[in-house]
Amino acid sequence: MKALPQDFLDVLRLPVLHEDDLDAQAGFYDHDAVSDLYRATVKEGTGDEVLQAAAALLPELHPLRAALFAILCGGLVENGADPRLLFPAALRRLAQLLASLAPYCAAEPMEDDDEEEAPEEEPADVLAWRAAEAALEALPPAERLQVEASRQAVDLLVLPLMAMLMRDVRNHRDLLADEALRARIEALSVNGTLPFEELHFLHRAAQMAYEDEMVVLLPASNAGMIVRAHGINNNFHAFSLLQDLFSEHAKTLGIRQPLADRLGADDEPRDSDSAQYLWLQAKAYAGGELVDRMAWAWGEGTLRENARRQGRLVLVALETEDKPARGWNGFNQNFHSEQKPQVSLVRFLTAEEVATYLA
């Protein structure tokens, strides 16, 4: 493991004691020790060694200094260093920070338009808001400064975490595996008492889906495919990409209805789209028959929430005029340069295989 220069370590161990210390990101790269290490590491191609050293050091550093070091490492990842090396340690540090800040975080209560007599007990969201505000107000100045430093550290950590998360699907799987952390990210990303500016990106990333073998069925023609779906925002996003794939293989799939062209004037896919099929989950079928037309694959939902059969996620595209007019806009946008969403054909299904998935 690479030994980090002492002058660089000295910068990482600078105390955070005053308001001026919170403006840490602006001055971090002004230190010669930091810029020298970064340039030398990129030049020598030793990014992996620095990331390994960071993984060991991150738990020991002040949250703000740890986050700044992680940002430097995120830059190394963008320059080709292994995105797996630091991700577990950085994710653990984020989890610890969010757990420590949770008592000070609460979503702003919804306004009650009901003019009826107020309930005897305060709603839970109001009580949570007041408790978080009271907890913040009760902090002595020195502790309040440390809470603010941790809040800033969370937003700083999001940036390198996203750089690593979007470059290796194994990192995404690690995030999904930590259900408690995912729930905390979702809750705290919209809190109003101690708001975060960047945490919502991790929430969006957690909603994305990566499916190596997803089944898509077209009952009208008794056809189907196994597809690879990666970097998918939600079901609407999947519908758009699948409908594009259907256009490429319409003859093989026996699709009878005319397929709409989603390309704009610049030959780029438009972000707005509409459902050309009645998109259903697998549970809409039993014994080869349609038994529940309302078992929709809800557009706003995450792809992995749909029902599975034989261990694979299944979507059903039903050719029918009897369907609601569903359109969407804004759901297909990439929110990170390394997202690279795609749906690609793995293989076509036989008629016998289609029957087993509809059984």
Protein backbone atom coordinates (compact mmCIF):
# COMPACT_ATOMS: atom_id res chain seq x y z
CA MET A 1 0.00 0.00 0.00
CA LYS A 2 1.30 3.44 -0.95
CA ALA A 3 2.72 5.55 1.90
CA LEU A 4 1.15 9.00 1.68
CA PRO A 5 3.52 11.99 2.03
CA GLN A 6 3.70 13.43 5.51
CA ASP A 7 2.88 16.97 4.37
CA PHE A 8 -0.30 15.65 2.75
CA LEU A 9 -1.24 13.77 5.92
CA ASP A 10 -0.68 16.97 7.89
CA VAL A 11 -3.27 18.74 5.71
CA LEU A 12 -5.77 15.93 6.26
CA ARG A 13 -5.32 16.21 10.01
CA LEU A 14 -5.89 19.94 10.26
CA PRO A 15 -8.49 20.58 12.99
CA VAL A 16 -11.99 21.87 12.28
CA LEU A 17 -12.67 24.27 15.12
CA HIS A 18 -13.87 27.57 13.67
CA GLU A 19 -16.32 28.90 11.09
CA ASP A 20 -13.44 29.60 8.72
CA ASP A 21 -12.53 25.91 8.79
CA LEU A 22 -15.89 25.04 7.22
CA ASP A 23 -14.87 26.68 3.94
CA ALA A 24 -12.56 23.73 3.49
CA GLN A 25 -13.19 22.72 -0.13
CA ALA A 26 -12.19 26.10 -1.53
CA GLY A 27 -8.75 25.93 0.05
CA PHE A 28 -8.05 22.20 -0.08
CA TYR A 29 -6.33 22.19 -3.44
CA ASP A 30 -4.52 25.43 -2.59
CA HIS A 31 -2.24 23.35 -0.40
CA ASP A 32 0.85 22.40 -2.39
CA ALA A 33 0.90 19.02 -0.67
CA VAL A 34 -2.55 18.21 -2.08
CA SER A 35 -2.04 19.44 -5.63
CA ASP A 36 1.42 17.85 -5.78
CA LEU A 37 0.10 14.47 -4.67
CA TYR A 38 -2.78 14.58 -7.15
CA ARG A 39 -0.61 15.53 -10.13
CA ALA A 40 2.07 12.98 -9.27
CA THR A 41 -0.49 10.22 -8.81
CA VAL A 42 -2.14 10.89 -12.18
CA LYS A 43 1.24 11.12 -13.90
CA GLU A 44 2.56 7.91 -12.34
CA GLY A 45 -0.70 5.98 -12.69
CA THR A 46 -0.71 5.07 -9.00
CA GLY A 47 -4.34 5.97 -8.32
CA ASP A 48 -5.22 2.49 -7.05
CA GLU A 49 -2.52 2.72 -4.38
CA VAL A 50 -3.80 6.08 -3.16
CA LEU A 51 -7.37 4.73 -3.02
CA GLN A 52 -6.21 1.74 -0.96
CA ALA A 53 -4.48 4.10 1.45
CA ALA A 54 -7.61 6.25 1.62
CA ALA A 55 -9.79 3.26 2.45
CA ALA A 56 -7.65 2.57 5.50
CA LEU A 57 -7.43 6.22 6.53
CA LEU A 58 -11.00 7.43 5.96
CA PRO A 59 -12.42 6.13 9.28
CA GLU A 60 -9.78 7.98 11.28
CA LEU A 61 -10.16 11.45 9.78
CA HIS A 62 -12.47 14.29 10.76
CA PRO A 63 -15.62 13.95 8.59
CA LEU A 64 -14.85 17.08 6.58
CA ARG A 65 -11.24 16.06 5.92
CA ALA A 66 -12.33 12.52 5.05
CA ALA A 67 -14.83 13.87 2.54
CA LEU A 68 -12.22 16.12 0.94
CA PHE A 69 -9.83 13.18 0.60
CA ALA A 70 -12.67 11.18 -0.95
CA ILE A 71 -13.22 13.96 -3.49
CA LEU A 72 -9.58 13.78 -4.49
CA CYS A 73 -9.99 10.01 -4.86
CA GLY A 74 -13.12 10.54 -6.96
CA GLY A 75 -11.00 12.57 -9.36
CA LEU A 76 -8.54 9.68 -9.55
CA VAL A 77 -11.41 7.31 -10.35
CA GLU A 78 -12.46 9.64 -13.16
CA ASN A 79 -8.87 9.34 -14.39
CA GLY A 80 -9.02 5.54 -14.47
CA ALA A 81 -8.46 4.31 -10.90
CA ASP A 82 -10.47 1.29 -9.73
CA PRO A 83 -13.96 2.44 -8.59
CA ARG A 84 -14.31 -0.55 -6.25
CA LEU A 85 -11.36 0.15 -3.96
CA LEU A 86 -12.73 3.04 -1.89
CA PHE A 87 -16.47 2.59 -2.33
CA PRO A 88 -17.16 0.35 0.72
CA ALA A 89 -15.22 2.59 3.10
CA ALA A 90 -16.77 5.77 1.71
CA LEU A 91 -20.26 4.27 1.92
CA ARG A 92 -19.70 3.22 5.53
CA ARG A 93 -18.52 6.73 6.38
CA LEU A 94 -21.63 8.19 4.77
CA ALA A 95 -23.84 5.79 6.76
CA GLN A 96 -22.15 6.83 10.01
CA LEU A 97 -22.56 10.52 9.23
CA LEU A 98 -26.23 10.19 8.32
CA ALA A 99 -26.90 8.20 11.48
CA SER A 100 -25.26 10.92 13.59
CA LEU A 101 -27.22 13.68 11.84
CA ALA A 102 -30.61 11.94 11.80
CA PRO A 103 -31.78 13.47 15.15
CA TYR A 104 -31.49 16.92 13.58
CA CYS A 105 -33.30 16.10 10.34
CA ALA A 106 -37.03 16.21 9.63
CA ALA A 107 -39.20 16.85 6.60
CA GLU A 108 -41.28 20.02 6.69
CA PRO A 109 -44.85 19.20 7.81
CA MET A 110 -47.57 19.29 5.18
CA GLU A 111 -50.00 22.15 5.55
CA ASP A 112 -53.41 21.04 6.76
CA ASP A 113 -56.15 22.68 4.69
CA ASP A 114 -58.86 21.00 6.72
CA GLU A 115 -60.78 23.72 8.55
CA GLU A 116 -62.38 21.24 10.90
CA GLU A 117 -61.51 21.25 14.57
CA ALA A 118 -57.84 20.50 15.17
CA PRO A 119 -57.04 17.00 16.48
CA GLU A 120 -56.23 16.55 20.14
CA GLU A 121 -52.74 15.22 19.32
CA GLU A 122 -50.16 16.85 17.06
CA PRO A 123 -49.48 14.93 13.82
CA ALA A 124 -46.31 12.85 13.79
CA ASP A 125 -44.64 15.00 11.11
CA VAL A 126 -45.18 18.14 13.18
CA LEU A 127 -43.74 16.48 16.28
CA ALA A 128 -40.71 15.25 14.33
CA TRP A 129 -40.11 18.72 12.91
CA ARG A 130 -40.27 20.35 16.32
CA ALA A 131 -38.01 17.72 17.87
CA ALA A 132 -35.35 18.19 15.17
CA GLU A 133 -35.47 21.97 15.50
CA ALA A 134 -35.24 21.75 19.28
CA ALA A 135 -32.29 19.35 19.06
CA LEU A 136 -30.42 21.78 16.82
CA GLU A 137 -31.20 24.79 18.99
CA ALA A 138 -30.02 22.98 22.13
CA LEU A 139 -26.53 22.41 20.75
CA PRO A 140 -23.69 24.52 22.18
CA PRO A 141 -21.89 26.56 19.48
CA ALA A 142 -18.91 24.20 19.25
CA GLU A 143 -21.14 21.15 18.74
CA ARG A 144 -23.35 23.03 16.27
CA LEU A 145 -20.24 23.79 14.22
CA GLN A 146 -19.38 20.07 14.14
CA VAL A 147 -22.91 19.22 13.01
CA GLU A 148 -22.55 21.73 10.18
CA ALA A 149 -19.17 20.25 9.27
CA SER A 150 -20.75 16.78 9.10
CA ARG A 151 -23.61 18.12 6.98
CA GLN A 152 -21.11 19.56 4.52
CA ALA A 153 -19.14 16.30 4.60
CA VAL A 154 -22.24 14.37 3.51
CA ASP A 155 -22.73 16.55 0.44
CA LEU A 156 -19.04 16.34 -0.41
CA LEU A 157 -19.03 12.54 -0.05
CA VAL A 158 -21.92 12.19 -2.48
CA LEU A 159 -19.75 13.41 -5.36
CA PRO A 160 -17.03 10.70 -5.21
CA LEU A 161 -19.59 8.07 -4.24
CA MET A 162 -21.51 8.84 -7.44
CA ALA A 163 -18.30 8.71 -9.48
CA MET A 164 -17.63 5.21 -8.15
CA LEU A 165 -21.24 4.05 -8.10
CA MET A 166 -21.92 4.84 -11.74
CA ARG A 167 -18.74 3.15 -12.98
CA ASP A 168 -19.22 -0.29 -11.41
CA VAL A 169 -22.52 -2.12 -11.07
CA ARG A 170 -21.14 -4.01 -8.06
CA ASN A 171 -21.08 -0.73 -6.15
CA HIS A 172 -24.73 -0.21 -7.04
CA ARG A 173 -25.54 -3.68 -5.71
CA ASP A 174 -23.73 -2.88 -2.47
CA LEU A 175 -25.86 0.24 -2.04
CA LEU A 176 -29.06 -1.71 -2.68
CA ALA A 177 -28.01 -4.39 -0.21
CA ASP A 178 -27.93 -1.87 2.65
CA GLU A 179 -31.66 -1.38 3.09
CA ALA A 180 -31.31 0.70 6.26
CA LEU A 181 -28.95 3.13 4.55
CA ARG A 182 -31.21 3.39 1.50
CA ALA A 183 -34.16 4.21 3.72
CA ARG A 184 -32.15 6.85 5.55
CA ILE A 185 -30.93 8.41 2.30
CA GLU A 186 -34.51 8.61 1.05
CA ALA A 187 -35.76 10.17 4.28
CA LEU A 188 -32.94 12.65 4.77
CA SER A 189 -32.63 13.75 1.15
CA VAL A 190 -35.82 15.80 1.53
CA ASN A 191 -35.39 17.00 5.11
CA GLY A 192 -35.88 20.69 5.81
CA THR A 193 -34.27 21.28 9.19
CA LEU A 194 -30.74 20.34 8.10
CA PRO A 195 -31.02 20.23 4.30
CA PHE A 196 -28.54 18.50 2.00
CA GLU A 197 -27.94 19.76 -1.52
CA GLU A 198 -26.47 16.62 -3.11
CA LEU A 199 -27.93 13.64 -1.25
CA HIS A 200 -30.86 13.38 -3.67
CA PHE A 201 -28.44 12.09 -6.33
CA LEU A 202 -27.77 8.98 -4.26
CA HIS A 203 -31.50 8.54 -3.77
CA ARG A 204 -31.99 8.63 -7.54
CA ALA A 205 -29.10 6.23 -8.04
CA ALA A 206 -30.67 3.81 -5.56
CA GLN A 207 -33.88 3.84 -7.62
CA MET A 208 -32.04 2.82 -10.78
CA ALA A 209 -32.20 -0.76 -11.97
CA TYR A 210 -29.65 -3.15 -13.48
CA GLU A 211 -31.12 -6.38 -14.81
CA ASP A 212 -28.85 -8.76 -16.73
CA GLU A 213 -31.72 -10.98 -17.89
CA MET A 214 -35.17 -9.41 -17.93
CA VAL A 215 -38.08 -11.09 -19.72
CA VAL A 216 -40.37 -9.09 -22.02
CA LEU A 217 -43.48 -10.82 -23.37
CA LEU A 218 -45.80 -9.91 -26.28
CA PRO A 219 -48.84 -12.19 -25.81
CA ALA A 220 -50.60 -11.03 -29.00
CA SER A 221 -47.90 -12.65 -31.13
CA ASN A 222 -46.84 -15.28 -28.58
CA ALA A 223 -43.34 -13.82 -28.72
CA GLY A 224 -40.83 -12.46 -26.28
CA MET A 225 -37.23 -11.63 -25.49
CA ILE A 226 -34.68 -11.80 -22.76
CA VAL A 227 -33.02 -8.41 -22.56
CA ARG A 228 -30.23 -6.76 -20.62
CA ALA A 229 -31.45 -3.53 -18.98
CA HIS A 230 -28.84 -1.35 -17.30
CA GLY A 231 -28.97 2.13 -15.79
CA ILE A 232 -32.77 2.38 -15.99
CA ASN A 233 -34.39 5.24 -14.06
CA ASN A 234 -37.88 3.75 -13.72
CA ASN A 235 -40.56 1.89 -15.64
CA PHE A 236 -41.31 4.82 -17.96
CA HIS A 237 -37.65 4.86 -18.93
CA ALA A 238 -37.76 1.10 -19.53
CA PHE A 239 -40.91 1.40 -21.68
CA SER A 240 -39.25 3.95 -23.95
CA LEU A 241 -36.09 1.90 -24.45
CA LEU A 242 -38.05 -1.34 -24.92
CA GLN A 243 -40.36 0.26 -27.48
CA ASP A 244 -37.28 1.40 -29.40
CA LEU A 245 -35.97 -2.18 -29.28
CA PHE A 246 -39.33 -3.49 -30.49
CA SER A 247 -39.00 -1.23 -33.54
CA GLU A 248 -35.68 -2.88 -34.41
CA HIS A 249 -37.12 -6.41 -34.17
CA ALA A 250 -40.76 -5.86 -35.11
CA LYS A 251 -40.78 -8.52 -37.84
CA THR A 252 -39.21 -11.24 -35.69
CA LEU A 253 -41.54 -10.42 -32.80
CA GLY A 254 -44.62 -10.44 -35.03
CA ILE A 255 -45.67 -6.96 -33.94
CA ARG A 256 -48.72 -5.88 -35.93
CA GLN A 257 -49.45 -2.35 -34.77
CA PRO A 258 -47.64 0.64 -36.31
CA LEU A 259 -44.70 1.78 -34.19
CA ALA A 260 -44.24 5.46 -33.44
CA ASP A 261 -40.97 7.20 -34.29
CA ARG A 262 -39.43 8.68 -31.15
CA LEU A 263 -36.64 10.52 -32.94
CA GLY A 264 -36.69 14.31 -32.99
CA ALA A 265 -35.58 16.69 -35.72
CA ASP A 266 -31.92 16.15 -34.74
CA ASP A 267 -32.29 12.33 -34.96
CA GLU A 268 -31.89 12.09 -31.19
CA PRO A 269 -34.56 10.31 -29.08
CA ARG A 270 -37.05 12.73 -27.57
CA ASP A 271 -37.35 12.77 -23.80
CA SER A 272 -41.14 12.78 -24.04
CA ASP A 273 -42.85 9.52 -24.96
CA SER A 274 -46.10 7.60 -24.63
CA ALA A 275 -47.17 4.00 -24.06
CA GLN A 276 -47.70 2.12 -27.29
CA TYR A 277 -48.76 -0.97 -25.34
CA LEU A 278 -50.67 -1.80 -22.20
CA TRP A 279 -47.66 -2.46 -19.96
CA LEU A 280 -48.47 -5.12 -17.37
CA GLN A 281 -46.72 -7.18 -14.74
CA ALA A 282 -46.47 -10.95 -14.98
CA LYS A 283 -49.22 -11.44 -12.39
CA ALA A 284 -51.71 -10.08 -14.95
CA TYR A 285 -51.58 -13.57 -16.53
CA ALA A 286 -52.40 -17.01 -15.13
CA GLY A 287 -52.78 -20.24 -17.02
CA GLY A 288 -51.96 -18.42 -20.24
CA GLU A 289 -54.96 -16.12 -19.84
CA LEU A 290 -55.23 -12.42 -19.00
CA VAL A 291 -56.83 -12.40 -15.56
CA ASP A 292 -56.08 -8.88 -14.28
CA ARG A 293 -55.92 -5.97 -16.72
CA MET A 294 -55.20 -3.64 -13.81
CA ALA A 295 -51.92 -5.32 -12.86
CA TRP A 296 -50.05 -2.42 -14.46
CA ALA A 297 -46.35 -1.82 -14.39
CA TRP A 298 -46.63 1.65 -12.89
CA GLY A 299 -44.56 4.11 -14.86
CA GLU A 300 -43.14 6.08 -11.95
CA GLY A 301 -42.11 2.92 -10.08
CA THR A 302 -38.64 1.43 -10.09
CA LEU A 303 -38.12 -1.38 -12.55
CA ARG A 304 -37.11 -3.94 -9.94
CA GLU A 305 -40.45 -3.54 -8.11
CA ASN A 306 -42.22 -5.56 -10.82
CA ALA A 307 -43.16 -9.19 -10.26
CA ARG A 308 -40.73 -11.97 -11.15
CA ARG A 309 -41.25 -15.43 -12.53
CA GLN A 310 -38.65 -18.19 -12.69
CA GLY A 311 -36.29 -15.78 -10.95
CA ARG A 312 -36.46 -13.16 -13.69
CA LEU A 313 -38.24 -9.82 -13.72
CA VAL A 314 -41.07 -9.93 -16.27
CA LEU A 315 -42.84 -7.17 -18.21
CA VAL A 316 -45.78 -7.80 -20.53
CA ALA A 317 -46.43 -5.55 -23.53
CA LEU A 318 -50.02 -6.11 -24.64
CA GLU A 319 -51.02 -4.90 -28.10
CA THR A 320 -54.49 -3.42 -27.63
CA GLU A 321 -56.42 -0.28 -28.41
CA ASP A 322 -58.18 -0.59 -25.06
CA LYS A 323 -55.54 1.07 -22.91
CA PRO A 324 -55.17 4.34 -21.02
CA ALA A 325 -53.33 7.13 -22.79
CA ARG A 326 -50.15 7.25 -20.75
CA GLY A 327 -47.45 9.75 -21.65
CA TRP A 328 -44.34 10.95 -19.85
CA ASN A 329 -41.71 13.61 -19.98
CA GLY A 330 -38.48 14.02 -18.01
CA PHE A 331 -38.21 10.42 -16.83
CA ASN A 332 -35.72 9.37 -19.51
CA GLN A 333 -33.02 11.93 -18.76
CA ASN A 334 -29.57 10.80 -17.67
CA PHE A 335 -28.64 12.33 -14.33
CA HIS A 336 -24.95 11.38 -14.50
CA SER A 337 -22.45 11.34 -17.35
CA GLU A 338 -21.57 7.69 -16.63
CA GLN A 339 -25.14 6.40 -16.38
CA LYS A 340 -25.22 5.01 -19.94
CA PRO A 341 -28.76 3.52 -19.88
CA GLN A 342 -29.38 0.71 -22.34
CA VAL A 343 -31.73 -2.11 -23.17
CA SER A 344 -30.16 -4.73 -25.44
CA LEU A 345 -31.32 -8.07 -26.82
CA VAL A 346 -29.86 -11.19 -25.20
CA ARG A 347 -31.99 -13.67 -27.15
CA PHE A 348 -35.52 -14.29 -28.41
CA LEU A 349 -37.84 -16.62 -26.51
CA THR A 350 -39.45 -19.68 -28.04
CA ALA A 351 -43.23 -19.98 -28.04
CA GLU A 352 -42.90 -22.68 -25.39
CA GLU A 353 -40.87 -20.39 -23.15
CA VAL A 354 -43.42 -17.59 -23.55
CA ALA A 355 -46.17 -20.00 -22.49
CA THR A 356 -44.29 -20.95 -19.30
CA TYR A 357 -43.91 -17.28 -18.29
CA LEU A 358 -47.64 -16.64 -18.90
CA ALA A 359 -48.73 -19.78 -17.06
